[in-house]
Amino acid sequence: MTKSLIMDIKSIKALQEELSTLIGVSGHEDDVSNFILELIEKEKLADKAWIDPLGNVLAIKNGTNGKDRILVATLESGYTYKVLKLRN
């Protein structure tokens, strides 16, 4: 069974408050990227995670059921968050 990140309302609110204090204006998202990377590593949400030279947070979570999935999200505001299903 894969680990689930289950958060209560208090935890979600605390995380949201912490995120909202970070500097994340366009072109200067380093604080937000580092925060997200540290969260992924602390909660063991991925098997591998890193920040690429462009500042993107990338993470790999190995699946177990043979189906590939990709989650694409942006730190920039104004974009739509999408979940894409890869076809084999």
PDB file of N, CA and C in Angstrom:
ATOM      1  N   MET A   1       0.847  -1.179   0.000  1.00  0.00           N
ATOM      2  CA  MET A   1       0.000   0.000   0.000  1.00  0.00           C
ATOM      3  C   MET A   1       0.890   1.239   0.000  1.00  0.00           C
ATOM      4  N   THR A   2       0.560   2.215  -0.843  1.00  0.00           N
ATOM      5  CA  THR A   2       1.354   3.435  -0.890  1.00  0.00           C
ATOM      6  C   THR A   2       0.974   4.360   0.251  1.00  0.00           C
ATOM      7  N   LYS A   3       1.938   5.153   0.643  1.00  0.00           N
ATOM      8  CA  LYS A   3       1.719   6.083   1.751  1.00  0.00           C
ATOM      9  C   LYS A   3       0.798   7.214   1.298  1.00  0.00           C
ATOM     10  N   SER A   4      -0.174   7.530   2.107  1.00  0.00           N
ATOM     11  CA  SER A   4      -1.077   8.639   1.810  1.00  0.00           C
ATOM     12  C   SER A   4      -0.728   9.810   2.705  1.00  0.00           C
ATOM     13  N   LEU A   5      -0.816  10.998   2.144  1.00  0.00           N
ATOM     14  CA  LEU A   5      -0.628  12.206   2.943  1.00  0.00           C
ATOM     15  C   LEU A   5      -2.014  12.685   3.329  1.00  0.00           C
ATOM     16  N   ILE A   6      -2.398  12.382   4.561  1.00  0.00           N
ATOM     17  CA  ILE A   6      -3.716  12.772   5.039  1.00  0.00           C
ATOM     18  C   ILE A   6      -3.525  13.909   6.024  1.00  0.00           C
ATOM     19  N   MET A   7      -4.167  15.033   5.733  1.00  0.00           N
ATOM     20  CA  MET A   7      -4.003  16.209   6.572  1.00  0.00           C
ATOM     21  C   MET A   7      -5.358  16.676   7.066  1.00  0.00           C
ATOM     22  N   ASP A   8      -5.391  17.101   8.295  1.00  0.00           N
ATOM     23  CA  ASP A   8      -6.612  17.687   8.804  1.00  0.00           C
ATOM     24  C   ASP A   8      -6.644  19.172   8.429  1.00  0.00           C
ATOM     25  N   ILE A   9      -7.772  19.802   8.650  1.00  0.00           N
ATOM     26  CA  ILE A   9      -7.956  21.203   8.269  1.00  0.00           C
ATOM     27  C   ILE A   9      -6.906  22.096   8.930  1.00  0.00           C
ATOM     28  N   LYS A  10      -6.575  21.835  10.185  1.00  0.00           N
ATOM     29  CA  LYS A  10      -5.578  22.637  10.898  1.00  0.00           C
ATOM     30  C   LYS A  10      -4.211  22.552  10.211  1.00  0.00           C
ATOM     31  N   SER A  11      -3.829  21.351   9.811  1.00  0.00           N
ATOM     32  CA  SER A  11      -2.540  21.151   9.140  1.00  0.00           C
ATOM     33  C   SER A  11      -2.508  21.831   7.779  1.00  0.00           C
ATOM     34  N   ILE A  12      -3.600  21.728   7.052  1.00  0.00           N
ATOM     35  CA  ILE A  12      -3.684  22.376   5.737  1.00  0.00           C
ATOM     36  C   ILE A  12      -3.579  23.884   5.893  1.00  0.00           C
ATOM     37  N   LYS A  13      -4.280  24.420   6.869  1.00  0.00           N
ATOM     38  CA  LYS A  13      -4.249  25.867   7.111  1.00  0.00           C
ATOM     39  C   LYS A  13      -2.836  26.324   7.491  1.00  0.00           C
ATOM     40  N   ALA A  14      -2.161  25.565   8.347  1.00  0.00           N
ATOM     41  CA  ALA A  14      -0.796  25.908   8.752  1.00  0.00           C
ATOM     42  C   ALA A  14       0.153  25.884   7.555  1.00  0.00           C
ATOM     43  N   LEU A  15       0.011  24.877   6.700  1.00  0.00           N
ATOM     44  CA  LEU A  15       0.836  24.778   5.500  1.00  0.00           C
ATOM     45  C   LEU A  15       0.562  25.951   4.564  1.00  0.00           C
ATOM     46  N   GLN A  16      -0.697  26.285   4.384  1.00  0.00           N
ATOM     47  CA  GLN A  16      -1.081  27.410   3.527  1.00  0.00           C
ATOM     48  C   GLN A  16      -0.522  28.724   4.074  1.00  0.00           C
ATOM     49  N   GLU A  17      -0.599  28.906   5.385  1.00  0.00           N
ATOM     50  CA  GLU A  17      -0.066  30.127   5.994  1.00  0.00           C
ATOM     51  C   GLU A  17       1.447  30.219   5.802  1.00  0.00           C
ATOM     52  N   GLU A  18       2.139  29.100   5.975  1.00  0.00           N
ATOM     53  CA  GLU A  18       3.592  29.095   5.791  1.00  0.00           C
ATOM     54  C   GLU A  18       3.963  29.398   4.340  1.00  0.00           C
ATOM     55  N   LEU A  19       3.261  28.787   3.407  1.00  0.00           N
ATOM     56  CA  LEU A  19       3.513  29.051   1.985  1.00  0.00           C
ATOM     57  C   LEU A  19       3.272  30.510   1.624  1.00  0.00           C
ATOM     58  N   SER A  20       2.244  31.109   2.213  1.00  0.00           N
ATOM     59  CA  SER A  20       1.894  32.491   1.865  1.00  0.00           C
ATOM     60  C   SER A  20       2.907  33.505   2.392  1.00  0.00           C
ATOM     61  N   THR A  21       3.790  33.099   3.298  1.00  0.00           N
ATOM     62  CA  THR A  21       4.817  34.017   3.803  1.00  0.00           C
ATOM     63  C   THR A  21       6.083  33.991   2.951  1.00  0.00           C
ATOM     64  N   LEU A  22       6.177  33.033   2.035  1.00  0.00           N
ATOM     65  CA  LEU A  22       7.378  32.890   1.218  1.00  0.00           C
ATOM     66  C   LEU A  22       7.378  33.872   0.057  1.00  0.00           C
ATOM     67  N   ILE A  23       8.573  34.302  -0.333  1.00  0.00           N
ATOM     68  CA  ILE A  23       8.725  35.155  -1.508  1.00  0.00           C
ATOM     69  C   ILE A  23       8.607  34.253  -2.732  1.00  0.00           C
ATOM     70  N   GLY A  24       7.704  34.597  -3.637  1.00  0.00           N
ATOM     71  CA  GLY A  24       7.507  33.756  -4.808  1.00  0.00           C
ATOM     72  C   GLY A  24       7.082  34.532  -6.033  1.00  0.00           C
ATOM     73  N   VAL A  25       7.531  35.788  -6.139  1.00  0.00           N
ATOM     74  CA  VAL A  25       7.153  36.576  -7.313  1.00  0.00           C
ATOM     75  C   VAL A  25       7.819  35.991  -8.550  1.00  0.00           C
ATOM     76  N   SER A  26       7.233  36.245  -9.695  1.00  0.00           N
ATOM     77  CA  SER A  26       7.704  35.682 -10.950  1.00  0.00           C
ATOM     78  C   SER A  26       9.208  35.902 -11.137  1.00  0.00           C
ATOM     79  N   GLY A  27       9.898  34.815 -11.408  1.00  0.00           N
ATOM     80  CA  GLY A  27      11.337  34.875 -11.606  1.00  0.00           C
ATOM     81  C   GLY A  27      12.143  34.704 -10.331  1.00  0.00           C
ATOM     82  N   HIS A  28      11.473  34.709  -9.194  1.00  0.00           N
ATOM     83  CA  HIS A  28      12.154  34.592  -7.896  1.00  0.00           C
ATOM     84  C   HIS A  28      11.411  33.604  -6.998  1.00  0.00           C
ATOM     85  N   GLU A  29      11.184  32.410  -7.514  1.00  0.00           N
ATOM     86  CA  GLU A  29      10.409  31.397  -6.793  1.00  0.00           C
ATOM     87  C   GLU A  29      11.276  30.447  -5.976  1.00  0.00           C
ATOM     88  N   ASP A  30      12.551  30.788  -5.778  1.00  0.00           N
ATOM     89  CA  ASP A  30      13.478  29.878  -5.091  1.00  0.00           C
ATOM     90  C   ASP A  30      12.985  29.451  -3.714  1.00  0.00           C
ATOM     91  N   ASP A  31      12.468  30.387  -2.925  1.00  0.00           N
ATOM     92  CA  ASP A  31      11.986  30.038  -1.578  1.00  0.00           C
ATOM     93  C   ASP A  31      10.860  29.007  -1.644  1.00  0.00           C
ATOM     94  N   VAL A  32       9.959  29.196  -2.609  1.00  0.00           N
ATOM     95  CA  VAL A  32       8.826  28.278  -2.756  1.00  0.00           C
ATOM     96  C   VAL A  32       9.320  26.920  -3.258  1.00  0.00           C
ATOM     97  N   SER A  33      10.194  26.929  -4.243  1.00  0.00           N
ATOM     98  CA  SER A  33      10.749  25.672  -4.768  1.00  0.00           C
ATOM     99  C   SER A  33      11.452  24.881  -3.673  1.00  0.00           C
ATOM    100  N   ASN A  34      12.272  25.556  -2.888  1.00  0.00           N
ATOM    101  CA  ASN A  34      12.994  24.886  -1.798  1.00  0.00           C
ATOM    102  C   ASN A  34      12.035  24.343  -0.752  1.00  0.00           C
ATOM    103  N   PHE A  35      10.993  25.094  -0.435  1.00  0.00           N
ATOM    104  CA  PHE A  35       9.993  24.648   0.536  1.00  0.00           C
ATOM    105  C   PHE A  35       9.307  23.373   0.053  1.00  0.00           C
ATOM    106  N   ILE A  36       8.892  23.377  -1.212  1.00  0.00           N
ATOM    107  CA  ILE A  36       8.205  22.213  -1.787  1.00  0.00           C
ATOM    108  C   ILE A  36       9.141  21.002  -1.802  1.00  0.00           C
ATOM    109  N   LEU A  37      10.388  21.204  -2.213  1.00  0.00           N
ATOM    110  CA  LEU A  37      11.354  20.102  -2.233  1.00  0.00           C
ATOM    111  C   LEU A  37      11.559  19.534  -0.830  1.00  0.00           C
ATOM    112  N   GLU A  38      11.725  20.400   0.159  1.00  0.00           N
ATOM    113  CA  GLU A  38      11.907  19.940   1.541  1.00  0.00           C
ATOM    114  C   GLU A  38      10.682  19.179   2.042  1.00  0.00           C
ATOM    115  N   LEU A  39       9.482  19.627   1.669  1.00  0.00           N
ATOM    116  CA  LEU A  39       8.252  18.936   2.062  1.00  0.00           C
ATOM    117  C   LEU A  39       8.194  17.541   1.434  1.00  0.00           C
ATOM    118  N   ILE A  40       8.514  17.459   0.149  1.00  0.00           N
ATOM    119  CA  ILE A  40       8.520  16.168  -0.549  1.00  0.00           C
ATOM    120  C   ILE A  40       9.491  15.204   0.135  1.00  0.00           C
ATOM    121  N   GLU A  41      10.688  15.704   0.460  1.00  0.00           N
ATOM    122  CA  GLU A  41      11.696  14.843   1.088  1.00  0.00           C
ATOM    123  C   GLU A  41      11.305  14.471   2.522  1.00  0.00           C
ATOM    124  N   LYS A  42      10.831  15.435   3.289  1.00  0.00           N
ATOM    125  CA  LYS A  42      10.458  15.187   4.687  1.00  0.00           C
ATOM    126  C   LYS A  42       9.332  14.165   4.794  1.00  0.00           C
ATOM    127  N   GLU A  43       8.322  14.307   3.943  1.00  0.00           N
ATOM    128  CA  GLU A  43       7.155  13.420   3.984  1.00  0.00           C
ATOM    129  C   GLU A  43       7.352  12.151   3.153  1.00  0.00           C
ATOM    130  N   LYS A  44       8.525  12.035   2.524  1.00  0.00           N
ATOM    131  CA  LYS A  44       8.836  10.875   1.675  1.00  0.00           C
ATOM    132  C   LYS A  44       7.742  10.649   0.626  1.00  0.00           C
ATOM    133  N   LEU A  45       7.413  11.738  -0.077  1.00  0.00           N
ATOM    134  CA  LEU A  45       6.354  11.685  -1.083  1.00  0.00           C
ATOM    135  C   LEU A  45       6.847  11.203  -2.440  1.00  0.00           C
ATOM    136  N   ALA A  46       8.163  11.082  -2.599  1.00  0.00           N
ATOM    137  CA  ALA A  46       8.723  10.639  -3.870  1.00  0.00           C
ATOM    138  C   ALA A  46       9.959   9.801  -3.605  1.00  0.00           C
ATOM    139  N   ASP A  47      10.318   9.005  -4.600  1.00  0.00           N
ATOM    140  CA  ASP A  47      11.528   8.206  -4.503  1.00  0.00           C
ATOM    141  C   ASP A  47      12.765   9.040  -4.826  1.00  0.00           C
ATOM    142  N   LYS A  48      12.581  10.075  -5.624  1.00  0.00           N
ATOM    143  CA  LYS A  48      13.668  10.978  -5.985  1.00  0.00           C
ATOM    144  C   LYS A  48      13.055  12.347  -6.258  1.00  0.00           C
ATOM    145  N   ALA A  49      13.698  13.407  -5.776  1.00  0.00           N
ATOM    146  CA  ALA A  49      13.209  14.764  -6.023  1.00  0.00           C
ATOM    147  C   ALA A  49      14.399  15.711  -6.132  1.00  0.00           C
ATOM    148  N   TRP A  50      14.279  16.716  -6.995  1.00  0.00           N
ATOM    149  CA  TRP A  50      15.361  17.673  -7.194  1.00  0.00           C
ATOM    150  C   TRP A  50      14.811  18.946  -7.827  1.00  0.00           C
ATOM    151  N   ILE A  51      15.645  19.970  -7.836  1.00  0.00           N
ATOM    152  CA  ILE A  51      15.328  21.228  -8.514  1.00  0.00           C
ATOM    153  C   ILE A  51      16.263  21.320  -9.707  1.00  0.00           C
ATOM    154  N   ASP A  52      15.692  21.509 -10.905  1.00  0.00           N
ATOM    155  CA  ASP A  52      16.517  21.582 -12.108  1.00  0.00           C
ATOM    156  C   ASP A  52      17.112  22.987 -12.266  1.00  0.00           C
ATOM    157  N   PRO A  53      17.990  23.192 -13.268  1.00  0.00           N
ATOM    158  CA  PRO A  53      18.636  24.495 -13.451  1.00  0.00           C
ATOM    159  C   PRO A  53      17.665  25.661 -13.703  1.00  0.00           C
ATOM    160  N   LEU A  54      16.449  25.359 -14.140  1.00  0.00           N
ATOM    161  CA  LEU A  54      15.463  26.417 -14.371  1.00  0.00           C
ATOM    162  C   LEU A  54      14.620  26.709 -13.135  1.00  0.00           C
ATOM    163  N   GLY A  55      14.841  25.955 -12.057  1.00  0.00           N
ATOM    164  CA  GLY A  55      14.104  26.187 -10.815  1.00  0.00           C
ATOM    165  C   GLY A  55      12.860  25.339 -10.649  1.00  0.00           C
ATOM    166  N   ASN A  56      12.622  24.418 -11.575  1.00  0.00           N
ATOM    167  CA  ASN A  56      11.468  23.527 -11.466  1.00  0.00           C
ATOM    168  C   ASN A  56      11.729  22.442 -10.430  1.00  0.00           C
ATOM    169  N   VAL A  57      10.714  22.106  -9.648  1.00  0.00           N
ATOM    170  CA  VAL A  57      10.813  20.986  -8.717  1.00  0.00           C
ATOM    171  C   VAL A  57      10.333  19.746  -9.460  1.00  0.00           C
ATOM    172  N   LEU A  58      11.182  18.752  -9.531  1.00  0.00           N
ATOM    173  CA  LEU A  58      10.851  17.504 -10.214  1.00  0.00           C
ATOM    174  C   LEU A  58      10.909  16.375  -9.200  1.00  0.00           C
ATOM    175  N   ALA A  59       9.988  15.425  -9.327  1.00  0.00           N
ATOM    176  CA  ALA A  59       9.962  14.302  -8.399  1.00  0.00           C
ATOM    177  C   ALA A  59       9.510  13.050  -9.129  1.00  0.00           C
ATOM    178  N   ILE A  60      10.082  11.938  -8.750  1.00  0.00           N
ATOM    179  CA  ILE A  60       9.707  10.642  -9.308  1.00  0.00           C
ATOM    180  C   ILE A  60       9.192   9.765  -8.176  1.00  0.00           C
ATOM    181  N   LYS A  61       8.012   9.214  -8.374  1.00  0.00           N
ATOM    182  CA  LYS A  61       7.429   8.252  -7.438  1.00  0.00           C
ATOM    183  C   LYS A  61       7.192   6.982  -8.232  1.00  0.00           C
ATOM    184  N   ASN A  62       7.918   5.941  -7.917  1.00  0.00           N
ATOM    185  CA  ASN A  62       7.769   4.680  -8.641  1.00  0.00           C
ATOM    186  C   ASN A  62       6.419   4.053  -8.338  1.00  0.00           C
ATOM    187  N   GLY A  63       5.722   3.646  -9.392  1.00  0.00           N
ATOM    188  CA  GLY A  63       4.419   3.013  -9.245  1.00  0.00           C
ATOM    189  C   GLY A  63       4.547   1.520  -8.994  1.00  0.00           C
ATOM    190  N   THR A  64       3.426   0.906  -8.674  1.00  0.00           N
ATOM    191  CA  THR A  64       3.440  -0.529  -8.396  1.00  0.00           C
ATOM    192  C   THR A  64       2.442  -1.305  -9.242  1.00  0.00           C
ATOM    193  N   ASN A  65       1.527  -0.622  -9.915  1.00  0.00           N
ATOM    194  CA  ASN A  65       0.483  -1.351 -10.633  1.00  0.00           C
ATOM    195  C   ASN A  65       0.673  -1.357 -12.147  1.00  0.00           C
ATOM    196  N   GLY A  66       1.825  -0.906 -12.630  1.00  0.00           N
ATOM    197  CA  GLY A  66       2.103  -0.953 -14.052  1.00  0.00           C
ATOM    198  C   GLY A  66       1.541   0.193 -14.866  1.00  0.00           C
ATOM    199  N   LYS A  67       0.832   1.120 -14.250  1.00  0.00           N
ATOM    200  CA  LYS A  67       0.280   2.253 -14.977  1.00  0.00           C
ATOM    201  C   LYS A  67       1.085   3.503 -14.646  1.00  0.00           C
ATOM    202  N   ASP A  68       1.473   4.225 -15.690  1.00  0.00           N
ATOM    203  CA  ASP A  68       2.235   5.456 -15.503  1.00  0.00           C
ATOM    204  C   ASP A  68       1.303   6.637 -15.293  1.00  0.00           C
ATOM    205  N   ARG A  69       1.712   7.542 -14.427  1.00  0.00           N
ATOM    206  CA  ARG A  69       0.965   8.774 -14.175  1.00  0.00           C
ATOM    207  C   ARG A  69       1.972   9.907 -14.058  1.00  0.00           C
ATOM    208  N   ILE A  70       1.536  11.090 -14.392  1.00  0.00           N
ATOM    209  CA  ILE A  70       2.366  12.266 -14.193  1.00  0.00           C
ATOM    210  C   ILE A  70       1.491  13.364 -13.607  1.00  0.00           C
ATOM    211  N   LEU A  71       2.020  14.059 -12.632  1.00  0.00           N
ATOM    212  CA  LEU A  71       1.345  15.206 -12.047  1.00  0.00           C
ATOM    213  C   LEU A  71       2.145  16.427 -12.455  1.00  0.00           C
ATOM    214  N   VAL A  72       1.491  17.365 -13.096  1.00  0.00           N
ATOM    215  CA  VAL A  72       2.150  18.580 -13.548  1.00  0.00           C
ATOM    216  C   VAL A  72       1.508  19.750 -12.827  1.00  0.00           C
ATOM    217  N   ALA A  73       2.328  20.545 -12.176  1.00  0.00           N
ATOM    218  CA  ALA A  73       1.822  21.723 -11.473  1.00  0.00           C
ATOM    219  C   ALA A  73       2.828  22.848 -11.655  1.00  0.00           C
ATOM    220  N   THR A  74       2.392  24.054 -11.455  1.00  0.00           N
ATOM    221  CA  THR A  74       3.268  25.198 -11.626  1.00  0.00           C
ATOM    222  C   THR A  74       3.285  26.054 -10.372  1.00  0.00           C
ATOM    223  N   LEU A  75       4.431  26.659 -10.101  1.00  0.00           N
ATOM    224  CA  LEU A  75       4.536  27.597  -8.992  1.00  0.00           C
ATOM    225  C   LEU A  75       4.019  28.967  -9.407  1.00  0.00           C
ATOM    226  N   GLU A  76       3.942  29.193 -10.711  1.00  0.00           N
ATOM    227  CA  GLU A  76       3.445  30.464 -11.232  1.00  0.00           C
ATOM    228  C   GLU A  76       1.947  30.561 -11.031  1.00  0.00           C
ATOM    229  N   SER A  77       1.465  31.735 -10.729  1.00  0.00           N
ATOM    230  CA  SER A  77       0.013  31.926 -10.681  1.00  0.00           C
ATOM    231  C   SER A  77      -0.470  32.186 -12.100  1.00  0.00           C
ATOM    232  N   GLY A  78      -1.717  31.920 -12.347  1.00  0.00           N
ATOM    233  CA  GLY A  78      -2.272  32.175 -13.665  1.00  0.00           C
ATOM    234  C   GLY A  78      -2.326  30.950 -14.556  1.00  0.00           C
ATOM    235  N   TYR A  79      -1.691  29.888 -14.171  1.00  0.00           N
ATOM    236  CA  TYR A  79      -1.749  28.656 -14.938  1.00  0.00           C
ATOM    237  C   TYR A  79      -2.708  27.687 -14.263  1.00  0.00           C
ATOM    238  N   THR A  80      -3.248  26.800 -15.046  1.00  0.00           N
ATOM    239  CA  THR A  80      -4.135  25.779 -14.509  1.00  0.00           C
ATOM    240  C   THR A  80      -3.311  24.568 -14.107  1.00  0.00           C
ATOM    241  N   TYR A  81      -3.601  24.030 -12.942  1.00  0.00           N
ATOM    242  CA  TYR A  81      -2.932  22.808 -12.506  1.00  0.00           C
ATOM    243  C   TYR A  81      -3.599  21.650 -13.238  1.00  0.00           C
ATOM    244  N   LYS A  82      -2.810  20.734 -13.699  1.00  0.00           N
ATOM    245  CA  LYS A  82      -3.345  19.620 -14.478  1.00  0.00           C
ATOM    246  C   LYS A  82      -2.784  18.303 -13.977  1.00  0.00           C
ATOM    247  N   VAL A  83      -3.593  17.316 -14.072  1.00  0.00           N
ATOM    248  CA  VAL A  83      -3.121  15.953 -13.852  1.00  0.00           C
ATOM    249  C   VAL A  83      -3.258  15.248 -15.190  1.00  0.00           C
ATOM    250  N   LEU A  84      -2.159  14.711 -15.681  1.00  0.00           N
ATOM    251  CA  LEU A  84      -2.145  14.060 -16.985  1.00  0.00           C
ATOM    252  C   LEU A  84      -1.914  12.570 -16.808  1.00  0.00           C
ATOM    253  N   LYS A  85      -2.606  11.803 -17.586  1.00  0.00           N
ATOM    254  CA  LYS A  85      -2.400  10.356 -17.558  1.00  0.00           C
ATOM    255  C   LYS A  85      -1.589   9.978 -18.798  1.00  0.00           C
ATOM    256  N   LEU A  86      -0.455   9.340 -18.576  1.00  0.00           N
ATOM    257  CA  LEU A  86       0.375   8.885 -19.686  1.00  0.00           C
ATOM    258  C   LEU A  86      -0.148   7.557 -20.192  1.00  0.00           C
ATOM    259  N   ARG A  87      -0.113   7.402 -21.480  1.00  0.00           N
ATOM    260  CA  ARG A  87      -0.518   6.130 -22.075  1.00  0.00           C
ATOM    261  C   ARG A  87       0.710   5.293 -22.348  1.00  0.00           C
ATOM    262  N   ASN A  88       0.613   4.024 -22.067  1.00  0.00           N
ATOM    263  CA  ASN A  88       1.734   3.109 -22.333  1.00  0.00           C
ATOM    264  C   ASN A  88       1.822   2.821 -23.807  1.00  0.00           C
TER     265      ASN A  88
END
